[in-house]
Amino acid sequence: RLANDVIKEAEANQSLGLAQEKMGSIRSAIEYHETHRDLLLNAGVELPSDSGRHLIGAYKALAEELQRQGDYSAAIAYYEKSLQAAIQLKDLSGQGLAYQQLGNAYQLQENFEKAAECFKKFLEICQETDDKIAEGSACSSL
């Protein structure tokens, strides 16, 4: 911060986020990754796709942990964050994966209508990207 270099500060936050992930501190990693994203966006710099994927991965990891603990509502909130980050990056495969995970979480909550909506969106993305393997998975989920 002393040098007032936003790019370097953002890079430092990304590095800290990655280090926190390696140590298993996912919530802390998310904070650093979000700060990284916010610093770049506020500076008018486009978020590099690999940086966005780190944030998406951290959201996904926390959502999976919460889902294993049975906290489906909290898991869904983090899968939604993962989806929004993938949309921001225009990452179709990331969006598809987020919809698939949301569908699974809604299914565990026995909210079958919402699960079906998510699986249909997952299927649409699979067809758009011509991913036949994922399309089969989407069809079997429906």
Protein backbone atom coordinates (compact mmCIF):
# COMPACT_ATOMS: atom_id res chain seq x y z
CA ARG A 1 0.00 0.00 0.00
CA LEU A 2 2.82 2.38 0.64
CA ALA A 3 3.71 2.46 -3.05
CA ASN A 4 0.04 3.09 -3.90
CA ASP A 5 0.27 0.45 -6.63
CA VAL A 6 -3.16 -1.14 -6.88
CA ILE A 7 -2.01 -3.85 -9.29
CA LYS A 8 0.73 -5.04 -6.95
CA GLU A 9 -1.64 -4.90 -3.99
CA ALA A 10 -4.14 -6.99 -5.97
CA GLU A 11 -1.42 -9.50 -6.88
CA ALA A 12 -0.37 -9.72 -3.23
CA ASN A 13 -3.97 -10.46 -2.24
CA GLN A 14 -4.20 -13.15 -4.87
CA SER A 15 -0.99 -14.76 -3.59
CA LEU A 16 -2.26 -14.62 -0.02
CA GLY A 17 -5.54 -16.19 -1.15
CA LEU A 18 -3.69 -19.04 -2.84
CA ALA A 19 -1.56 -19.57 0.26
CA GLN A 20 -4.66 -19.66 2.47
CA GLU A 21 -6.22 -22.25 0.16
CA LYS A 22 -3.12 -24.46 0.48
CA MET A 23 -3.37 -24.18 4.26
CA GLY A 24 -7.06 -25.14 4.15
CA SER A 25 -8.38 -21.74 5.25
CA ILE A 26 -11.02 -21.39 2.56
CA ARG A 27 -12.98 -18.52 4.14
CA SER A 28 -9.80 -16.49 4.50
CA ALA A 29 -8.79 -17.39 0.94
CA ILE A 30 -12.16 -16.11 -0.31
CA GLU A 31 -11.61 -12.78 1.45
CA TYR A 32 -8.24 -12.34 -0.24
CA HIS A 33 -9.55 -13.42 -3.65
CA GLU A 34 -12.53 -11.05 -3.35
CA THR A 35 -10.20 -8.19 -2.37
CA HIS A 36 -8.02 -9.03 -5.38
CA ARG A 37 -11.07 -8.93 -7.67
CA ASP A 38 -12.44 -5.72 -6.15
CA LEU A 39 -9.11 -3.89 -6.36
CA LEU A 40 -8.75 -4.71 -10.04
CA LEU A 41 -12.34 -3.89 -10.92
CA ASN A 42 -12.22 -0.59 -9.01
CA ALA A 43 -9.03 0.27 -10.90
CA GLY A 44 -10.79 -0.45 -14.19
CA VAL A 45 -8.64 -3.49 -14.89
CA GLU A 46 -10.26 -6.60 -16.32
CA LEU A 47 -9.98 -9.60 -14.06
CA PRO A 48 -7.70 -12.23 -15.64
CA SER A 49 -9.57 -15.50 -16.20
CA ASP A 50 -7.14 -17.54 -14.08
CA SER A 51 -7.65 -15.13 -11.17
CA GLY A 52 -11.40 -15.43 -11.48
CA ARG A 53 -11.11 -19.20 -11.52
CA HIS A 54 -9.28 -19.09 -8.19
CA LEU A 55 -12.22 -17.24 -6.66
CA ILE A 56 -14.72 -19.63 -8.29
CA GLY A 57 -12.73 -22.59 -6.97
CA ALA A 58 -12.66 -21.20 -3.45
CA TYR A 59 -16.43 -20.57 -3.49
CA LYS A 60 -16.95 -24.11 -4.78
CA ALA A 61 -14.67 -25.63 -2.12
CA LEU A 62 -16.51 -23.85 0.70
CA ALA A 63 -19.91 -24.77 -0.77
CA GLU A 64 -18.88 -28.43 -0.95
CA GLU A 65 -17.65 -28.33 2.66
CA LEU A 66 -20.92 -26.76 3.82
CA GLN A 67 -22.91 -29.29 1.82
CA ARG A 68 -21.02 -32.18 3.46
CA GLN A 69 -21.92 -30.65 6.84
CA GLY A 70 -25.60 -30.61 5.82
CA ASP A 71 -25.88 -26.81 5.62
CA TYR A 72 -27.52 -26.83 2.19
CA SER A 73 -28.76 -23.23 2.32
CA ALA A 74 -25.26 -21.89 2.96
CA ALA A 75 -23.85 -24.23 0.30
CA ILE A 76 -26.38 -22.92 -2.20
CA ALA A 77 -25.37 -19.33 -1.38
CA TYR A 78 -21.73 -20.12 -2.23
CA TYR A 79 -22.66 -22.06 -5.37
CA GLU A 80 -24.62 -18.94 -6.40
CA LYS A 81 -21.51 -16.83 -5.81
CA SER A 82 -19.55 -19.29 -7.93
CA LEU A 83 -22.16 -18.94 -10.68
CA GLN A 84 -22.08 -15.13 -10.56
CA ALA A 85 -18.28 -15.12 -10.77
CA ALA A 86 -18.41 -17.50 -13.76
CA ILE A 87 -20.99 -15.27 -15.45
CA GLN A 88 -18.78 -12.23 -14.84
CA LEU A 89 -15.88 -14.06 -16.48
CA LYS A 90 -18.07 -15.33 -19.33
CA ASP A 91 -16.86 -18.82 -18.38
CA LEU A 92 -19.51 -21.16 -19.80
CA SER A 93 -18.01 -24.35 -18.39
CA GLY A 94 -17.82 -22.71 -14.97
CA GLN A 95 -21.44 -21.65 -15.29
CA GLY A 96 -22.47 -25.17 -16.27
CA LEU A 97 -20.64 -26.69 -13.33
CA ALA A 98 -22.22 -24.16 -10.96
CA TYR A 99 -25.71 -24.97 -12.27
CA GLN A 100 -25.00 -28.69 -11.87
CA GLN A 101 -23.82 -28.19 -8.29
CA LEU A 102 -26.79 -25.95 -7.50
CA GLY A 103 -29.11 -28.62 -8.87
CA ASN A 104 -27.48 -31.25 -6.68
CA ALA A 105 -27.76 -29.03 -3.60
CA TYR A 106 -31.42 -28.24 -4.28
CA GLN A 107 -32.05 -31.95 -4.77
CA LEU A 108 -30.54 -32.64 -1.33
CA GLN A 109 -32.90 -30.00 0.06
CA GLU A 110 -35.72 -31.84 -1.71
CA ASN A 111 -36.51 -28.71 -3.72
CA PHE A 112 -36.96 -30.67 -6.91
CA GLU A 113 -38.46 -27.81 -8.92
CA LYS A 114 -35.40 -25.60 -8.37
CA ALA A 115 -33.11 -28.59 -8.94
CA ALA A 116 -34.78 -29.25 -12.31
CA GLU A 117 -34.41 -25.56 -13.32
CA CYS A 118 -30.69 -25.71 -12.57
CA PHE A 119 -30.20 -29.01 -14.37
CA LYS A 120 -32.03 -27.62 -17.43
CA LYS A 121 -29.67 -24.62 -17.49
CA PHE A 122 -26.74 -27.01 -17.11
CA LEU A 123 -28.07 -29.03 -20.06
CA GLU A 124 -28.47 -25.87 -22.21
CA ILE A 125 -24.85 -24.90 -21.55
CA CYS A 126 -23.65 -28.42 -22.33
CA GLN A 127 -25.48 -28.29 -25.66
CA GLU A 128 -24.18 -24.79 -26.40
CA THR A 129 -20.59 -25.88 -25.76
CA ASP A 130 -21.11 -29.27 -27.47
CA ASP A 131 -19.93 -31.13 -24.35
CA LYS A 132 -21.49 -34.55 -24.93
CA ILE A 133 -20.17 -36.13 -21.74
CA ALA A 134 -21.52 -33.36 -19.53
CA GLU A 135 -24.74 -33.38 -21.56
CA GLY A 136 -25.22 -37.04 -20.64
CA SER A 137 -24.72 -36.15 -16.99
CA ALA A 138 -27.23 -33.31 -17.27
CA CYS A 139 -29.79 -35.60 -18.92
CA SER A 140 -29.39 -38.26 -16.23
CA SER A 141 -29.86 -35.59 -13.54
CA LEU A 142 -33.15 -34.58 -15.09
